Amino acid sequence: MRLPVISGKELIKILYKKFGFRPIRQKGDHVTITNDKNFATVPLHKELDIGTLQGILEDCGVSREEFLSAYQQL
């Protein structure tokens, strides 16, 4: 299944609710999030490019399947 086109805010919400990430700082339109093991910077754009989304998920240690499952539960 393909990754959905979502905004940075939606991605942060999913990572917060399902994977325990929280924001630690914001500079301009980029938010850095952590779960105390992994860090990632999420741009607050209206639509994230698929490559950007894949890179953020990789930085977070979240597999494509885990993300899609969490996305569908919202």
N, C-alpha and C. Protein backbone atom coordinates (compact mmCIF):
# COMPACT_ATOMS: atom_id res chain seq x y z
N MET A 1 0.84 -1.18 0.00
CA MET A 1 0.00 0.00 0.00
C MET A 1 0.88 1.24 0.00
N ARG A 2 0.44 2.26 -0.70
CA ARG A 2 1.22 3.49 -0.81
C ARG A 2 1.05 4.35 0.43
N LEU A 3 2.07 5.14 0.70
CA LEU A 3 1.98 6.09 1.80
C LEU A 3 1.02 7.21 1.42
N PRO A 4 0.24 7.70 2.37
CA PRO A 4 -0.71 8.77 2.07
C PRO A 4 -0.02 10.13 1.97
N VAL A 5 -0.65 11.06 1.33
CA VAL A 5 -0.17 12.44 1.30
C VAL A 5 -0.80 13.12 2.52
N ILE A 6 0.05 13.51 3.47
CA ILE A 6 -0.44 14.13 4.70
C ILE A 6 0.38 15.38 5.00
N SER A 7 -0.13 16.17 5.92
CA SER A 7 0.58 17.38 6.32
C SER A 7 1.53 17.05 7.47
N GLY A 8 2.45 17.96 7.74
CA GLY A 8 3.36 17.79 8.85
C GLY A 8 2.64 17.73 10.18
N LYS A 9 1.59 18.54 10.33
CA LYS A 9 0.81 18.54 11.58
C LYS A 9 0.14 17.19 11.80
N GLU A 10 -0.42 16.61 10.73
CA GLU A 10 -1.06 15.30 10.84
C GLU A 10 -0.04 14.23 11.23
N LEU A 11 1.14 14.30 10.64
CA LEU A 11 2.19 13.33 10.95
C LEU A 11 2.59 13.43 12.41
N ILE A 12 2.78 14.64 12.90
CA ILE A 12 3.15 14.82 14.31
C ILE A 12 2.06 14.26 15.21
N LYS A 13 0.81 14.49 14.86
CA LYS A 13 -0.30 13.98 15.66
C LYS A 13 -0.28 12.45 15.73
N ILE A 14 -0.04 11.79 14.61
CA ILE A 14 0.02 10.32 14.58
C ILE A 14 1.20 9.82 15.40
N LEU A 15 2.37 10.44 15.21
CA LEU A 15 3.56 10.01 15.95
C LEU A 15 3.39 10.24 17.45
N TYR A 16 2.67 11.28 17.83
CA TYR A 16 2.41 11.58 19.23
C TYR A 16 1.46 10.55 19.85
N LYS A 17 0.33 10.33 19.19
CA LYS A 17 -0.71 9.46 19.75
C LYS A 17 -0.35 7.99 19.72
N LYS A 18 0.30 7.54 18.66
CA LYS A 18 0.52 6.11 18.48
C LYS A 18 1.94 5.63 18.82
N PHE A 19 2.93 6.54 18.78
CA PHE A 19 4.30 6.10 18.95
C PHE A 19 5.04 6.82 20.07
N GLY A 20 4.36 7.68 20.81
CA GLY A 20 4.94 8.31 21.99
C GLY A 20 5.92 9.43 21.74
N PHE A 21 5.88 10.04 20.56
CA PHE A 21 6.77 11.18 20.27
C PHE A 21 6.17 12.45 20.85
N ARG A 22 7.04 13.40 21.16
CA ARG A 22 6.59 14.70 21.64
C ARG A 22 7.50 15.77 21.06
N PRO A 23 6.96 16.97 20.85
CA PRO A 23 7.80 18.05 20.32
C PRO A 23 8.73 18.56 21.40
N ILE A 24 9.97 18.90 20.99
CA ILE A 24 10.91 19.47 21.95
C ILE A 24 11.32 20.88 21.58
N ARG A 25 11.21 21.23 20.30
CA ARG A 25 11.51 22.60 19.91
C ARG A 25 10.97 22.85 18.51
N GLN A 26 10.82 24.15 18.22
CA GLN A 26 10.36 24.57 16.90
C GLN A 26 11.19 25.74 16.46
N LYS A 27 11.63 25.70 15.21
CA LYS A 27 12.36 26.81 14.62
C LYS A 27 11.73 27.08 13.26
N GLY A 28 11.06 28.21 13.16
CA GLY A 28 10.35 28.52 11.92
C GLY A 28 9.22 27.54 11.71
N ASP A 29 9.18 26.91 10.53
CA ASP A 29 8.12 25.94 10.26
C ASP A 29 8.61 24.50 10.36
N HIS A 30 9.61 24.24 11.21
CA HIS A 30 10.11 22.89 11.44
C HIS A 30 10.05 22.58 12.93
N VAL A 31 9.51 21.40 13.25
CA VAL A 31 9.38 20.97 14.63
C VAL A 31 10.26 19.74 14.84
N THR A 32 11.07 19.75 15.90
CA THR A 32 11.87 18.58 16.25
C THR A 32 11.10 17.79 17.29
N ILE A 33 10.97 16.48 17.04
CA ILE A 33 10.23 15.61 17.94
C ILE A 33 11.15 14.50 18.43
N THR A 34 10.80 13.91 19.58
CA THR A 34 11.59 12.81 20.13
C THR A 34 10.69 11.87 20.93
N ASN A 35 11.17 10.65 21.10
CA ASN A 35 10.56 9.70 22.03
C ASN A 35 11.63 9.23 23.02
N ASP A 36 12.66 10.03 23.19
CA ASP A 36 13.83 9.80 24.05
C ASP A 36 14.82 8.78 23.47
N LYS A 37 14.48 8.12 22.37
CA LYS A 37 15.41 7.23 21.69
C LYS A 37 15.78 7.78 20.32
N ASN A 38 14.78 8.29 19.61
CA ASN A 38 14.95 8.79 18.25
C ASN A 38 14.54 10.25 18.16
N PHE A 39 15.18 10.98 17.26
CA PHE A 39 14.84 12.37 16.99
C PHE A 39 14.53 12.51 15.51
N ALA A 40 13.61 13.40 15.20
CA ALA A 40 13.30 13.71 13.80
C ALA A 40 12.82 15.14 13.71
N THR A 41 13.06 15.76 12.57
CA THR A 41 12.57 17.11 12.32
C THR A 41 11.49 17.03 11.26
N VAL A 42 10.32 17.59 11.59
CA VAL A 42 9.15 17.52 10.72
C VAL A 42 8.81 18.92 10.22
N PRO A 43 8.80 19.12 8.91
CA PRO A 43 8.37 20.42 8.38
C PRO A 43 6.85 20.53 8.46
N LEU A 44 6.36 21.71 8.80
CA LEU A 44 4.92 21.91 8.93
C LEU A 44 4.31 22.36 7.60
N HIS A 45 4.62 21.64 6.54
CA HIS A 45 4.09 21.95 5.23
C HIS A 45 2.71 21.34 5.08
N LYS A 46 1.92 21.87 4.15
CA LYS A 46 0.57 21.33 3.93
C LYS A 46 0.61 19.92 3.39
N GLU A 47 1.58 19.63 2.54
CA GLU A 47 1.74 18.28 2.00
C GLU A 47 3.22 17.90 2.05
N LEU A 48 3.50 16.78 2.70
CA LEU A 48 4.88 16.29 2.74
C LEU A 48 5.14 15.44 1.50
N ASP A 49 6.31 15.61 0.90
CA ASP A 49 6.70 14.73 -0.20
C ASP A 49 6.84 13.32 0.35
N ILE A 50 6.60 12.32 -0.49
CA ILE A 50 6.69 10.93 -0.06
C ILE A 50 8.09 10.61 0.45
N GLY A 51 9.12 11.10 -0.22
CA GLY A 51 10.49 10.86 0.22
C GLY A 51 10.77 11.47 1.58
N THR A 52 10.23 12.65 1.83
CA THR A 52 10.39 13.30 3.13
C THR A 52 9.70 12.49 4.20
N LEU A 53 8.49 12.02 3.93
CA LEU A 53 7.75 11.20 4.88
C LEU A 53 8.51 9.91 5.18
N GLN A 54 9.04 9.26 4.16
CA GLN A 54 9.80 8.03 4.35
C GLN A 54 11.03 8.29 5.21
N GLY A 55 11.72 9.40 4.96
CA GLY A 55 12.90 9.74 5.74
C GLY A 55 12.58 10.00 7.20
N ILE A 56 11.48 10.69 7.46
CA ILE A 56 11.07 10.97 8.84
C ILE A 56 10.72 9.67 9.55
N LEU A 57 9.97 8.79 8.88
CA LEU A 57 9.62 7.51 9.50
C LEU A 57 10.86 6.69 9.80
N GLU A 58 11.83 6.72 8.90
CA GLU A 58 13.10 6.01 9.12
C GLU A 58 13.83 6.58 10.33
N ASP A 59 13.90 7.91 10.42
CA ASP A 59 14.54 8.56 11.56
C ASP A 59 13.84 8.20 12.88
N CYS A 60 12.52 8.02 12.82
CA CYS A 60 11.73 7.70 14.01
C CYS A 60 11.78 6.21 14.36
N GLY A 61 12.28 5.39 13.46
CA GLY A 61 12.30 3.95 13.70
C GLY A 61 10.93 3.32 13.55
N VAL A 62 10.08 3.91 12.73
CA VAL A 62 8.72 3.42 12.50
C VAL A 62 8.67 2.82 11.10
N SER A 63 8.22 1.57 11.01
CA SER A 63 8.14 0.93 9.70
C SER A 63 6.94 1.46 8.93
N ARG A 64 6.98 1.25 7.63
CA ARG A 64 5.89 1.66 6.75
C ARG A 64 4.57 1.00 7.18
N GLU A 65 4.64 -0.30 7.52
CA GLU A 65 3.45 -1.05 7.91
C GLU A 65 2.87 -0.53 9.23
N GLU A 66 3.75 -0.24 10.21
CA GLU A 66 3.29 0.31 11.49
C GLU A 66 2.60 1.66 11.28
N PHE A 67 3.20 2.50 10.44
CA PHE A 67 2.63 3.82 10.18
C PHE A 67 1.27 3.71 9.50
N LEU A 68 1.18 2.86 8.47
CA LEU A 68 -0.08 2.71 7.74
C LEU A 68 -1.18 2.18 8.65
N SER A 69 -0.83 1.26 9.54
CA SER A 69 -1.80 0.73 10.50
C SER A 69 -2.30 1.84 11.43
N ALA A 70 -1.38 2.65 11.95
CA ALA A 70 -1.75 3.76 12.84
C ALA A 70 -2.57 4.80 12.08
N TYR A 71 -2.21 5.07 10.84
CA TYR A 71 -2.92 6.05 10.01
C TYR A 71 -4.36 5.63 9.77
N GLN A 72 -4.57 4.34 9.50
CA GLN A 72 -5.90 3.85 9.22
C GLN A 72 -6.79 3.83 10.46
N GLN A 73 -6.20 3.78 11.64
CA GLN A 73 -6.98 3.73 12.88
C GLN A 73 -7.50 5.11 13.28
N LEU A 74 -6.98 6.17 12.68
CA LEU A 74 -7.46 7.51 13.04
C LEU A 74 -8.80 7.82 12.42
